[in-house]
């Protein structure tokens, strides 16, 4: 599963809020909602976030293996 937890940590570290992403950088609220829920987002969205935050993809997303029962 892809987790976007690194995104929230990076945003906090860089001092960028969700409000700023929406209103200053024109990231859609829908995309942020999908990121909060660890749902699918486009590579374009990931690229945009890396550009805004001046970071690497690993600072935005990571892979977490699902535990099998």
PDB file of N, CA and C in Angstrom:
ATOM      1  N   UNK A   1       0.848  -1.171   0.000  1.00  0.00           N
ATOM      2  CA  UNK A   1       0.000   0.000   0.000  1.00  0.00           C
ATOM      3  C   UNK A   1       0.894   1.235   0.000  1.00  0.00           C
ATOM      4  N   UNK A   2       0.478   2.224  -0.761  1.00  0.00           N
ATOM      5  CA  UNK A   2       1.199   3.489  -0.779  1.00  0.00           C
ATOM      6  C   UNK A   2       0.658   4.363   0.350  1.00  0.00           C
ATOM      7  N   UNK A   3       1.561   4.896   1.152  1.00  0.00           N
ATOM      8  CA  UNK A   3       1.190   5.792   2.248  1.00  0.00           C
ATOM      9  C   UNK A   3       1.735   7.184   1.951  1.00  0.00           C
ATOM     10  N   UNK A   4       0.912   8.169   2.233  1.00  0.00           N
ATOM     11  CA  UNK A   4       1.340   9.557   2.037  1.00  0.00           C
ATOM     12  C   UNK A   4       1.688  10.233   3.357  1.00  0.00           C
ATOM     13  N   UNK A   5       1.937   9.438   4.384  1.00  0.00           N
ATOM     14  CA  UNK A   5       2.335  10.007   5.674  1.00  0.00           C
ATOM     15  C   UNK A   5       3.593  10.881   5.554  1.00  0.00           C
ATOM     16  N   UNK A   6       4.576  10.477   4.729  1.00  0.00           N
ATOM     17  CA  UNK A   6       5.750  11.354   4.599  1.00  0.00           C
ATOM     18  C   UNK A   6       5.394  12.761   4.111  1.00  0.00           C
ATOM     19  N   UNK A   7       4.338  12.880   3.307  1.00  0.00           N
ATOM     20  CA  UNK A   7       3.911  14.198   2.824  1.00  0.00           C
ATOM     21  C   UNK A   7       3.577  15.120   3.980  1.00  0.00           C
ATOM     22  N   UNK A   8       2.789  14.642   4.917  1.00  0.00           N
ATOM     23  CA  UNK A   8       2.342  15.478   6.038  1.00  0.00           C
ATOM     24  C   UNK A   8       3.527  15.875   6.912  1.00  0.00           C
ATOM     25  N   UNK A   9       4.466  14.936   7.084  1.00  0.00           N
ATOM     26  CA  UNK A   9       5.677  15.241   7.866  1.00  0.00           C
ATOM     27  C   UNK A   9       6.528  16.289   7.144  1.00  0.00           C
ATOM     28  N   UNK A  10       6.668  16.144   5.832  1.00  0.00           N
ATOM     29  CA  UNK A  10       7.454  17.092   5.039  1.00  0.00           C
ATOM     30  C   UNK A  10       6.801  18.469   5.052  1.00  0.00           C
ATOM     31  N   UNK A  11       5.474  18.504   4.900  1.00  0.00           N
ATOM     32  CA  UNK A  11       4.765  19.786   4.930  1.00  0.00           C
ATOM     33  C   UNK A  11       4.982  20.479   6.265  1.00  0.00           C
ATOM     34  N   UNK A  12       4.894  19.736   7.344  1.00  0.00           N
ATOM     35  CA  UNK A  12       5.101  20.319   8.674  1.00  0.00           C
ATOM     36  C   UNK A  12       6.519  20.872   8.789  1.00  0.00           C
ATOM     37  N   UNK A  13       7.489  20.084   8.341  1.00  0.00           N
ATOM     38  CA  UNK A  13       8.896  20.490   8.406  1.00  0.00           C
ATOM     39  C   UNK A  13       9.154  21.749   7.566  1.00  0.00           C
ATOM     40  N   UNK A  14       8.492  21.844   6.410  1.00  0.00           N
ATOM     41  CA  UNK A  14       8.702  22.976   5.510  1.00  0.00           C
ATOM     42  C   UNK A  14       7.802  24.170   5.832  1.00  0.00           C
ATOM     43  N   UNK A  15       6.851  23.975   6.757  1.00  0.00           N
ATOM     44  CA  UNK A  15       5.960  25.071   7.133  1.00  0.00           C
ATOM     45  C   UNK A  15       4.892  25.380   6.094  1.00  0.00           C
ATOM     46  N   UNK A  16       4.495  24.367   5.327  1.00  0.00           N
ATOM     47  CA  UNK A  16       3.459  24.526   4.302  1.00  0.00           C
ATOM     48  C   UNK A  16       2.172  23.869   4.812  1.00  0.00           C
ATOM     49  N   UNK A  17       1.073  24.594   4.745  1.00  0.00           N
ATOM     50  CA  UNK A  17      -0.206  24.069   5.211  1.00  0.00           C
ATOM     51  C   UNK A  17      -1.061  23.599   4.030  1.00  0.00           C
ATOM     52  N   UNK A  18      -2.093  22.821   4.350  1.00  0.00           N
ATOM     53  CA  UNK A  18      -3.037  22.399   3.320  1.00  0.00           C
ATOM     54  C   UNK A  18      -3.730  23.625   2.728  1.00  0.00           C
ATOM     55  N   UNK A  19      -4.021  24.601   3.552  1.00  0.00           N
ATOM     56  CA  UNK A  19      -4.647  25.840   3.085  1.00  0.00           C
ATOM     57  C   UNK A  19      -3.775  26.497   2.022  1.00  0.00           C
ATOM     58  N   UNK A  20      -2.465  26.560   2.271  1.00  0.00           N
ATOM     59  CA  UNK A  20      -1.545  27.154   1.294  1.00  0.00           C
ATOM     60  C   UNK A  20      -1.506  26.339   0.006  1.00  0.00           C
ATOM     61  N   UNK A  21      -1.501  25.011   0.130  1.00  0.00           N
ATOM     62  CA  UNK A  21      -1.485  24.180  -1.074  1.00  0.00           C
ATOM     63  C   UNK A  21      -2.691  24.481  -1.950  1.00  0.00           C
ATOM     64  N   UNK A  22      -3.857  24.654  -1.317  1.00  0.00           N
ATOM     65  CA  UNK A  22      -5.083  24.920  -2.070  1.00  0.00           C
ATOM     66  C   UNK A  22      -5.092  26.334  -2.641  1.00  0.00           C
ATOM     67  N   UNK A  23      -4.831  27.321  -1.799  1.00  0.00           N
ATOM     68  CA  UNK A  23      -5.038  28.710  -2.196  1.00  0.00           C
ATOM     69  C   UNK A  23      -3.828  29.377  -2.859  1.00  0.00           C
ATOM     70  N   UNK A  24      -2.633  28.959  -2.517  1.00  0.00           N
ATOM     71  CA  UNK A  24      -1.443  29.579  -3.107  1.00  0.00           C
ATOM     72  C   UNK A  24      -0.915  28.771  -4.294  1.00  0.00           C
ATOM     73  N   UNK A  25      -1.004  27.439  -4.182  1.00  0.00           N
ATOM     74  CA  UNK A  25      -0.405  26.579  -5.198  1.00  0.00           C
ATOM     75  C   UNK A  25      -1.432  25.865  -6.077  1.00  0.00           C
ATOM     76  N   UNK A  26      -2.726  26.126  -5.828  1.00  0.00           N
ATOM     77  CA  UNK A  26      -3.809  25.577  -6.652  1.00  0.00           C
ATOM     78  C   UNK A  26      -3.888  24.053  -6.685  1.00  0.00           C
ATOM     79  N   UNK A  27      -3.513  23.404  -5.591  1.00  0.00           N
ATOM     80  CA  UNK A  27      -3.734  21.966  -5.456  1.00  0.00           C
ATOM     81  C   UNK A  27      -5.199  21.803  -5.064  1.00  0.00           C
ATOM     82  N   UNK A  28      -5.906  20.893  -5.698  1.00  0.00           N
ATOM     83  CA  UNK A  28      -7.333  20.772  -5.432  1.00  0.00           C
ATOM     84  C   UNK A  28      -7.581  20.135  -4.062  1.00  0.00           C
ATOM     85  N   UNK A  29      -8.659  20.564  -3.433  1.00  0.00           N
ATOM     86  CA  UNK A  29      -9.054  19.996  -2.143  1.00  0.00           C
ATOM     87  C   UNK A  29      -9.353  18.509  -2.298  1.00  0.00           C
ATOM     88  N   UNK A  30      -9.865  18.126  -3.457  1.00  0.00           N
ATOM     89  CA  UNK A  30     -10.141  16.715  -3.729  1.00  0.00           C
ATOM     90  C   UNK A  30      -8.875  15.877  -3.721  1.00  0.00           C
ATOM     91  N   UNK A  31      -7.812  16.407  -4.310  1.00  0.00           N
ATOM     92  CA  UNK A  31      -6.540  15.676  -4.303  1.00  0.00           C
ATOM     93  C   UNK A  31      -6.008  15.525  -2.883  1.00  0.00           C
ATOM     94  N   UNK A  32      -6.114  16.578  -2.087  1.00  0.00           N
ATOM     95  CA  UNK A  32      -5.662  16.480  -0.694  1.00  0.00           C
ATOM     96  C   UNK A  32      -6.494  15.467   0.080  1.00  0.00           C
ATOM     97  N   UNK A  33      -7.777  15.415  -0.204  1.00  0.00           N
ATOM     98  CA  UNK A  33      -8.647  14.432   0.443  1.00  0.00           C
ATOM     99  C   UNK A  33      -8.213  13.012   0.080  1.00  0.00           C
ATOM    100  N   UNK A  34      -7.880  12.786  -1.185  1.00  0.00           N
ATOM    101  CA  UNK A  34      -7.413  11.472  -1.621  1.00  0.00           C
ATOM    102  C   UNK A  34      -6.075  11.124  -0.957  1.00  0.00           C
ATOM    103  N   UNK A  35      -5.206  12.105  -0.824  1.00  0.00           N
ATOM    104  CA  UNK A  35      -3.917  11.876  -0.169  1.00  0.00           C
ATOM    105  C   UNK A  35      -4.107  11.533   1.308  1.00  0.00           C
ATOM    106  N   UNK A  36      -5.020  12.232   1.978  1.00  0.00           N
ATOM    107  CA  UNK A  36      -5.284  11.938   3.402  1.00  0.00           C
ATOM    108  C   UNK A  36      -5.788  10.517   3.592  1.00  0.00           C
ATOM    109  N   UNK A  37      -6.538  10.014   2.611  1.00  0.00           N
ATOM    110  CA  UNK A  37      -7.113   8.671   2.693  1.00  0.00           C
ATOM    111  C   UNK A  37      -6.198   7.611   2.075  1.00  0.00           C
ATOM    112  N   UNK A  38      -4.978   7.997   1.695  1.00  0.00           N
ATOM    113  CA  UNK A  38      -4.034   7.085   1.037  1.00  0.00           C
ATOM    114  C   UNK A  38      -4.647   6.428  -0.196  1.00  0.00           C
ATOM    115  N   UNK A  39      -5.425   7.188  -0.952  1.00  0.00           N
ATOM    116  CA  UNK A  39      -6.018   6.692  -2.184  1.00  0.00           C
ATOM    117  C   UNK A  39      -5.115   7.044  -3.357  1.00  0.00           C
ATOM    118  N   UNK A  40      -5.482   6.543  -4.537  1.00  0.00           N
ATOM    119  CA  UNK A  40      -4.677   6.779  -5.731  1.00  0.00           C
ATOM    120  C   UNK A  40      -4.678   8.244  -6.142  1.00  0.00           C
ATOM    121  N   UNK A  41      -3.513   8.737  -6.484  1.00  0.00           N
ATOM    122  CA  UNK A  41      -3.356  10.064  -7.072  1.00  0.00           C
ATOM    123  C   UNK A  41      -2.433   9.918  -8.276  1.00  0.00           C
ATOM    124  N   UNK A  42      -2.483  10.873  -9.166  1.00  0.00           N
ATOM    125  CA  UNK A  42      -1.665  10.789 -10.383  1.00  0.00           C
ATOM    126  C   UNK A  42      -0.205  11.109 -10.089  1.00  0.00           C
ATOM    127  N   UNK A  43       0.642  10.642 -10.986  1.00  0.00           N
ATOM    128  CA  UNK A  43       2.064  10.983 -10.862  1.00  0.00           C
ATOM    129  C   UNK A  43       2.259  12.472 -11.080  1.00  0.00           C
ATOM    130  N   UNK A  44       1.370  13.091 -11.837  1.00  0.00           N
ATOM    131  CA  UNK A  44       1.435  14.544 -12.019  1.00  0.00           C
ATOM    132  C   UNK A  44       1.251  15.253 -10.673  1.00  0.00           C
ATOM    133  N   UNK A  45       0.309  14.778  -9.868  1.00  0.00           N
ATOM    134  CA  UNK A  45       0.087  15.363  -8.540  1.00  0.00           C
ATOM    135  C   UNK A  45       1.325  15.185  -7.669  1.00  0.00           C
ATOM    136  N   UNK A  46       1.912  14.002  -7.705  1.00  0.00           N
ATOM    137  CA  UNK A  46       3.120  13.745  -6.914  1.00  0.00           C
ATOM    138  C   UNK A  46       4.260  14.645  -7.382  1.00  0.00           C
ATOM    139  N   UNK A  47       4.396  14.804  -8.687  1.00  0.00           N
ATOM    140  CA  UNK A  47       5.424  15.686  -9.246  1.00  0.00           C
ATOM    141  C   UNK A  47       5.218  17.122  -8.781  1.00  0.00           C
ATOM    142  N   UNK A  48       3.969  17.585  -8.826  1.00  0.00           N
ATOM    143  CA  UNK A  48       3.642  18.951  -8.402  1.00  0.00           C
ATOM    144  C   UNK A  48       3.998  19.159  -6.940  1.00  0.00           C
ATOM    145  N   UNK A  49       3.658  18.187  -6.101  1.00  0.00           N
ATOM    146  CA  UNK A  49       3.967  18.302  -4.667  1.00  0.00           C
ATOM    147  C   UNK A  49       5.476  18.353  -4.433  1.00  0.00           C
ATOM    148  N   UNK A  50       6.221  17.533  -5.169  1.00  0.00           N
ATOM    149  CA  UNK A  50       7.686  17.555  -5.034  1.00  0.00           C
ATOM    150  C   UNK A  50       8.253  18.912  -5.453  1.00  0.00           C
ATOM    151  N   UNK A  51       7.686  19.495  -6.496  1.00  0.00           N
ATOM    152  CA  UNK A  51       8.146  20.815  -6.943  1.00  0.00           C
ATOM    153  C   UNK A  51       7.822  21.879  -5.898  1.00  0.00           C
ATOM    154  N   UNK A  52       6.590  21.860  -5.389  1.00  0.00           N
ATOM    155  CA  UNK A  52       6.173  22.854  -4.395  1.00  0.00           C
ATOM    156  C   UNK A  52       7.032  22.759  -3.141  1.00  0.00           C
ATOM    157  N   UNK A  53       7.246  21.534  -2.675  1.00  0.00           N
ATOM    158  CA  UNK A  53       7.954  21.320  -1.415  1.00  0.00           C
ATOM    159  C   UNK A  53       9.471  21.230  -1.593  1.00  0.00           C
ATOM    160  N   UNK A  54       9.934  21.263  -2.851  1.00  0.00           N
ATOM    161  CA  UNK A  54      11.359  21.134  -3.150  1.00  0.00           C
ATOM    162  C   UNK A  54      11.934  19.914  -2.431  1.00  0.00           C
ATOM    163  N   UNK A  55      11.351  18.752  -2.773  1.00  0.00           N
ATOM    164  CA  UNK A  55      11.749  17.520  -2.079  1.00  0.00           C
ATOM    165  C   UNK A  55      11.768  16.347  -3.051  1.00  0.00           C
ATOM    166  N   UNK A  56      12.157  15.207  -2.549  1.00  0.00           N
ATOM    167  CA  UNK A  56      12.182  13.965  -3.309  1.00  0.00           C
ATOM    168  C   UNK A  56      10.848  13.232  -3.153  1.00  0.00           C
ATOM    169  N   UNK A  57      10.566  12.305  -4.059  1.00  0.00           N
ATOM    170  CA  UNK A  57       9.335  11.528  -3.991  1.00  0.00           C
ATOM    171  C   UNK A  57       9.223  10.784  -2.660  1.00  0.00           C
ATOM    172  N   UNK A  58      10.340  10.323  -2.133  1.00  0.00           N
ATOM    173  CA  UNK A  58      10.328   9.600  -0.850  1.00  0.00           C
ATOM    174  C   UNK A  58       9.925  10.505   0.319  1.00  0.00           C
ATOM    175  N   UNK A  59       9.951  11.817   0.116  1.00  0.00           N
ATOM    176  CA  UNK A  59       9.492  12.754   1.135  1.00  0.00           C
ATOM    177  C   UNK A  59       7.981  12.972   1.054  1.00  0.00           C
ATOM    178  N   UNK A  60       7.349  12.368   0.044  1.00  0.00           N
ATOM    179  CA  UNK A  60       5.911  12.534  -0.174  1.00  0.00           C
ATOM    180  C   UNK A  60       5.166  11.213   0.015  1.00  0.00           C
ATOM    181  N   UNK A  61       5.763  10.111  -0.408  1.00  0.00           N
ATOM    182  CA  UNK A  61       5.082   8.821  -0.372  1.00  0.00           C
ATOM    183  C   UNK A  61       6.061   7.699  -0.032  1.00  0.00           C
ATOM    184  N   UNK A  62       5.502   6.619   0.501  1.00  0.00           N
ATOM    185  CA  UNK A  62       6.312   5.434   0.758  1.00  0.00           C
ATOM    186  C   UNK A  62       5.431   4.196   0.587  1.00  0.00           C
ATOM    187  N   UNK A  63       6.059   3.072   0.400  1.00  0.00           N
ATOM    188  CA  UNK A  63       5.353   1.812   0.270  1.00  0.00           C
ATOM    189  C   UNK A  63       5.368   1.085   1.606  1.00  0.00           C
ATOM    190  N   UNK A  64       4.193   0.639   2.020  1.00  0.00           N
ATOM    191  CA  UNK A  64       4.088  -0.164   3.237  1.00  0.00           C
ATOM    192  C   UNK A  64       3.433  -1.487   2.868  1.00  0.00           C
ATOM    193  N   UNK A  65       4.112  -2.562   3.170  1.00  0.00           N
ATOM    194  CA  UNK A  65       3.589  -3.884   2.878  1.00  0.00           C
ATOM    195  C   UNK A  65       2.385  -4.178   3.778  1.00  0.00           C
ATOM    196  N   UNK A  66       1.293  -4.629   3.154  1.00  0.00           N
ATOM    197  CA  UNK A  66       0.123  -5.012   3.923  1.00  0.00           C
ATOM    198  C   UNK A  66       0.405  -6.334   4.619  1.00  0.00           C
ATOM    199  N   UNK A  67      -0.034  -6.441   5.850  1.00  0.00           N
ATOM    200  CA  UNK A  67       0.153  -7.682   6.595  1.00  0.00           C
ATOM    201  C   UNK A  67      -0.936  -8.663   6.197  1.00  0.00           C
ATOM    202  N   UNK A  68      -0.532  -9.877   5.849  1.00  0.00           N
ATOM    203  CA  UNK A  68      -1.515 -10.892   5.489  1.00  0.00           C
ATOM    204  C   UNK A  68      -1.969 -11.643   6.731  1.00  0.00           C
ATOM    205  N   UNK A  69      -3.180 -12.100   6.673  1.00  0.00           N
ATOM    206  CA  UNK A  69      -3.755 -12.796   7.843  1.00  0.00           C
ATOM    207  C   UNK A  69      -3.315 -14.209   7.931  1.00  0.00           C
TER     208      UNK A  69
END
